[in-house]
């Protein structure tokens, strides 16, 4: 499901970042970046902090193993990440 508000509802600094990213790469930013930069106080920062803790925090699995699990899960879910 795609939230249409993430296409155009960004605050000015985030909108500028996404435009700069599009200009520098020559491609539209992927949906996950649009979502993370939509409401950074509500979604972006808390999610990024949680993701960092999960992927790099203490665990019996190495960061490489966790990345492999994430890649496998994305592939099974037909996600580009």
N, C-alpha and C. Protein backbone atom coordinates (compact mmCIF):
# COMPACT_ATOMS: atom_id res chain seq x y z
N UNK A 1 0.84 -1.17 0.00
CA UNK A 1 0.00 0.00 0.00
C UNK A 1 0.89 1.23 0.00
N UNK A 2 0.59 2.18 -0.83
CA UNK A 2 1.34 3.43 -0.89
C UNK A 2 0.47 4.58 -0.40
N UNK A 3 1.03 5.38 0.50
CA UNK A 3 0.33 6.56 0.98
C UNK A 3 0.61 7.70 0.01
N UNK A 4 -0.41 8.23 -0.62
CA UNK A 4 -0.20 9.28 -1.61
C UNK A 4 0.37 10.55 -1.00
N UNK A 5 0.13 10.77 0.30
CA UNK A 5 0.64 11.98 0.94
C UNK A 5 2.17 11.99 0.93
N UNK A 6 2.81 10.83 0.87
CA UNK A 6 4.28 10.79 0.84
C UNK A 6 4.83 11.21 -0.51
N UNK A 7 3.96 11.43 -1.48
CA UNK A 7 4.39 11.92 -2.79
C UNK A 7 4.60 13.44 -2.77
N UNK A 8 3.83 14.15 -1.94
CA UNK A 8 3.91 15.61 -2.01
C UNK A 8 3.72 16.33 -0.68
N UNK A 9 3.57 15.63 0.42
CA UNK A 9 3.24 16.30 1.68
C UNK A 9 4.42 16.57 2.60
N UNK A 10 5.63 16.64 2.07
CA UNK A 10 6.81 16.83 2.89
C UNK A 10 7.02 18.29 3.28
N UNK A 11 7.63 18.48 4.45
CA UNK A 11 8.05 19.82 4.86
C UNK A 11 9.16 20.29 3.93
N UNK A 12 9.38 21.58 3.87
CA UNK A 12 10.33 22.16 2.92
C UNK A 12 11.73 21.53 3.00
N UNK A 13 12.36 21.39 4.17
CA UNK A 13 13.71 20.80 4.18
C UNK A 13 13.74 19.38 3.62
N UNK A 14 12.72 18.59 3.93
CA UNK A 14 12.66 17.22 3.42
C UNK A 14 12.38 17.19 1.93
N UNK A 15 11.53 18.10 1.47
CA UNK A 15 11.24 18.20 0.04
C UNK A 15 12.51 18.57 -0.73
N UNK A 16 13.29 19.49 -0.17
CA UNK A 16 14.55 19.90 -0.81
C UNK A 16 15.53 18.73 -0.86
N UNK A 17 15.61 17.96 0.24
CA UNK A 17 16.48 16.80 0.27
C UNK A 17 16.09 15.80 -0.82
N UNK A 18 14.81 15.51 -0.93
CA UNK A 18 14.36 14.54 -1.94
C UNK A 18 14.61 15.04 -3.35
N UNK A 19 14.44 16.35 -3.59
CA UNK A 19 14.74 16.91 -4.92
C UNK A 19 16.23 16.83 -5.22
N UNK A 20 17.06 17.12 -4.21
CA UNK A 20 18.51 17.03 -4.40
C UNK A 20 18.91 15.58 -4.70
N UNK A 21 18.29 14.64 -4.00
CA UNK A 21 18.57 13.23 -4.23
C UNK A 21 18.17 12.84 -5.64
N UNK A 22 17.01 13.27 -6.09
CA UNK A 22 16.57 12.98 -7.45
C UNK A 22 17.53 13.59 -8.47
N UNK A 23 17.94 14.81 -8.24
CA UNK A 23 18.87 15.48 -9.15
C UNK A 23 20.21 14.75 -9.21
N UNK A 24 20.73 14.34 -8.05
CA UNK A 24 22.06 13.73 -8.03
C UNK A 24 22.07 12.30 -8.56
N UNK A 25 20.96 11.58 -8.41
CA UNK A 25 20.93 10.19 -8.88
C UNK A 25 20.27 10.04 -10.24
N UNK A 26 19.46 11.02 -10.62
CA UNK A 26 18.74 10.93 -11.89
C UNK A 26 17.53 10.02 -11.82
N UNK A 27 17.13 9.64 -10.60
CA UNK A 27 15.97 8.76 -10.43
C UNK A 27 15.13 9.24 -9.25
N UNK A 28 13.87 8.88 -9.28
CA UNK A 28 12.98 9.21 -8.16
C UNK A 28 13.46 8.49 -6.90
N UNK A 29 13.43 9.15 -5.75
CA UNK A 29 13.76 8.45 -4.50
C UNK A 29 12.80 7.29 -4.26
N UNK A 30 13.31 6.21 -3.72
CA UNK A 30 12.47 5.04 -3.46
C UNK A 30 11.46 5.36 -2.36
N UNK A 31 10.40 4.57 -2.32
CA UNK A 31 9.29 4.83 -1.40
C UNK A 31 9.71 4.86 0.07
N UNK A 32 10.65 4.00 0.45
CA UNK A 32 11.04 3.98 1.86
C UNK A 32 11.67 5.31 2.26
N UNK A 33 12.44 5.94 1.39
CA UNK A 33 13.01 7.25 1.70
C UNK A 33 11.94 8.32 1.78
N UNK A 34 10.97 8.25 0.87
CA UNK A 34 9.87 9.21 0.92
C UNK A 34 9.11 9.09 2.24
N UNK A 35 8.90 7.86 2.70
CA UNK A 35 8.18 7.64 3.95
C UNK A 35 9.00 8.12 5.14
N UNK A 36 10.29 7.77 5.18
CA UNK A 36 11.13 8.18 6.30
C UNK A 36 11.26 9.69 6.40
N UNK A 37 11.17 10.38 5.28
CA UNK A 37 11.30 11.84 5.29
C UNK A 37 9.96 12.57 5.30
N UNK A 38 8.86 11.82 5.39
CA UNK A 38 7.55 12.47 5.40
C UNK A 38 7.30 13.19 6.72
N UNK A 39 7.26 12.47 7.81
CA UNK A 39 7.11 13.08 9.14
C UNK A 39 8.21 12.50 10.01
N UNK A 40 9.38 13.09 9.93
CA UNK A 40 10.55 12.54 10.59
C UNK A 40 10.38 12.44 12.11
N UNK A 41 9.65 13.37 12.71
CA UNK A 41 9.45 13.32 14.16
C UNK A 41 8.57 12.15 14.58
N UNK A 42 7.64 11.76 13.73
CA UNK A 42 6.71 10.69 14.05
C UNK A 42 7.17 9.34 13.52
N UNK A 43 7.69 9.34 12.31
CA UNK A 43 8.02 8.08 11.65
C UNK A 43 9.52 7.90 11.44
N UNK A 44 10.17 8.84 10.84
CA UNK A 44 11.55 8.67 10.41
C UNK A 44 12.54 8.40 11.52
N UNK A 45 12.64 9.29 12.49
CA UNK A 45 13.63 9.12 13.56
C UNK A 45 13.34 7.91 14.45
N UNK A 46 12.10 7.73 14.94
CA UNK A 46 11.84 6.55 15.78
C UNK A 46 12.09 5.24 15.05
N UNK A 47 11.67 5.15 13.79
CA UNK A 47 11.88 3.93 13.02
C UNK A 47 13.36 3.69 12.76
N UNK A 48 14.07 4.74 12.40
CA UNK A 48 15.50 4.60 12.14
C UNK A 48 16.26 4.18 13.39
N UNK A 49 15.88 4.72 14.55
CA UNK A 49 16.51 4.33 15.82
C UNK A 49 16.23 2.86 16.12
N UNK A 50 14.99 2.44 15.96
CA UNK A 50 14.62 1.05 16.19
C UNK A 50 15.38 0.13 15.23
N UNK A 51 15.43 0.49 13.97
CA UNK A 51 16.13 -0.33 12.98
C UNK A 51 17.61 -0.45 13.31
N UNK A 52 18.22 0.64 13.73
CA UNK A 52 19.63 0.62 14.12
C UNK A 52 19.85 -0.32 15.31
N UNK A 53 18.97 -0.25 16.28
CA UNK A 53 19.07 -1.14 17.45
C UNK A 53 18.93 -2.61 17.05
N UNK A 54 17.97 -2.89 16.19
CA UNK A 54 17.73 -4.27 15.78
C UNK A 54 18.88 -4.81 14.93
N UNK A 55 19.37 -4.00 14.01
CA UNK A 55 20.38 -4.49 13.08
C UNK A 55 21.80 -4.43 13.63
N UNK A 56 22.07 -3.55 14.60
CA UNK A 56 23.44 -3.39 15.09
C UNK A 56 23.60 -3.56 16.59
N UNK A 57 22.50 -3.72 17.31
CA UNK A 57 22.56 -3.87 18.76
C UNK A 57 23.03 -5.26 19.17
N UNK A 58 23.09 -5.49 20.48
CA UNK A 58 23.53 -6.79 20.99
C UNK A 58 22.64 -7.93 20.46
N UNK A 59 23.28 -9.02 20.05
CA UNK A 59 22.54 -10.15 19.52
C UNK A 59 23.45 -11.36 19.41
N UNK A 60 22.86 -12.53 19.36
CA UNK A 60 23.63 -13.74 19.10
C UNK A 60 24.03 -13.82 17.63
N UNK A 61 23.34 -13.06 16.77
CA UNK A 61 23.64 -13.05 15.34
C UNK A 61 24.54 -11.87 15.00
N UNK A 62 25.43 -12.08 14.08
CA UNK A 62 26.32 -10.99 13.64
C UNK A 62 25.51 -10.00 12.79
N UNK A 63 26.02 -8.76 12.62
CA UNK A 63 25.34 -7.82 11.73
C UNK A 63 25.18 -8.38 10.31
N UNK A 64 26.18 -9.12 9.84
CA UNK A 64 26.08 -9.72 8.51
C UNK A 64 24.96 -10.73 8.40
N UNK A 65 24.79 -11.54 9.45
CA UNK A 65 23.69 -12.51 9.45
C UNK A 65 22.34 -11.80 9.46
N UNK A 66 22.24 -10.74 10.23
CA UNK A 66 20.98 -9.99 10.27
C UNK A 66 20.68 -9.34 8.93
N UNK A 67 21.72 -8.82 8.26
CA UNK A 67 21.53 -8.26 6.92
C UNK A 67 21.07 -9.33 5.94
N UNK A 68 21.63 -10.52 6.06
CA UNK A 68 21.23 -11.62 5.19
C UNK A 68 19.77 -12.00 5.43
N UNK A 69 19.36 -12.06 6.70
CA UNK A 69 17.96 -12.35 7.01
C UNK A 69 17.05 -11.27 6.41
N UNK A 70 17.46 -10.02 6.53
CA UNK A 70 16.66 -8.92 5.99
C UNK A 70 16.56 -9.02 4.47
N UNK A 71 17.67 -9.34 3.82
CA UNK A 71 17.67 -9.47 2.35
C UNK A 71 16.78 -10.62 1.91
N UNK A 72 16.86 -11.74 2.62
CA UNK A 72 16.03 -12.90 2.29
C UNK A 72 14.55 -12.56 2.46
N UNK A 73 14.22 -11.92 3.58
CA UNK A 73 12.83 -11.55 3.84
C UNK A 73 12.31 -10.58 2.78
N UNK A 74 13.14 -9.63 2.38
CA UNK A 74 12.74 -8.69 1.34
C UNK A 74 12.51 -9.42 0.02
N UNK A 75 13.36 -10.36 -0.28
CA UNK A 75 13.22 -11.11 -1.54
C UNK A 75 11.93 -11.92 -1.53
N UNK A 76 11.65 -12.59 -0.43
CA UNK A 76 10.44 -13.39 -0.33
C UNK A 76 9.21 -12.49 -0.46
N UNK A 77 9.29 -11.28 0.11
CA UNK A 77 8.19 -10.32 0.04
C UNK A 77 8.18 -9.51 -1.24
N UNK A 78 9.07 -9.82 -2.18
CA UNK A 78 9.18 -9.12 -3.46
C UNK A 78 9.41 -7.62 -3.27
N UNK A 79 10.29 -7.30 -2.32
CA UNK A 79 10.66 -5.92 -2.00
C UNK A 79 12.06 -5.66 -2.52
N UNK A 80 12.33 -4.48 -3.03
CA UNK A 80 13.66 -4.19 -3.58
C UNK A 80 14.71 -4.02 -2.50
N UNK A 81 14.35 -4.02 -1.24
CA UNK A 81 15.33 -3.93 -0.17
C UNK A 81 15.53 -5.28 0.43
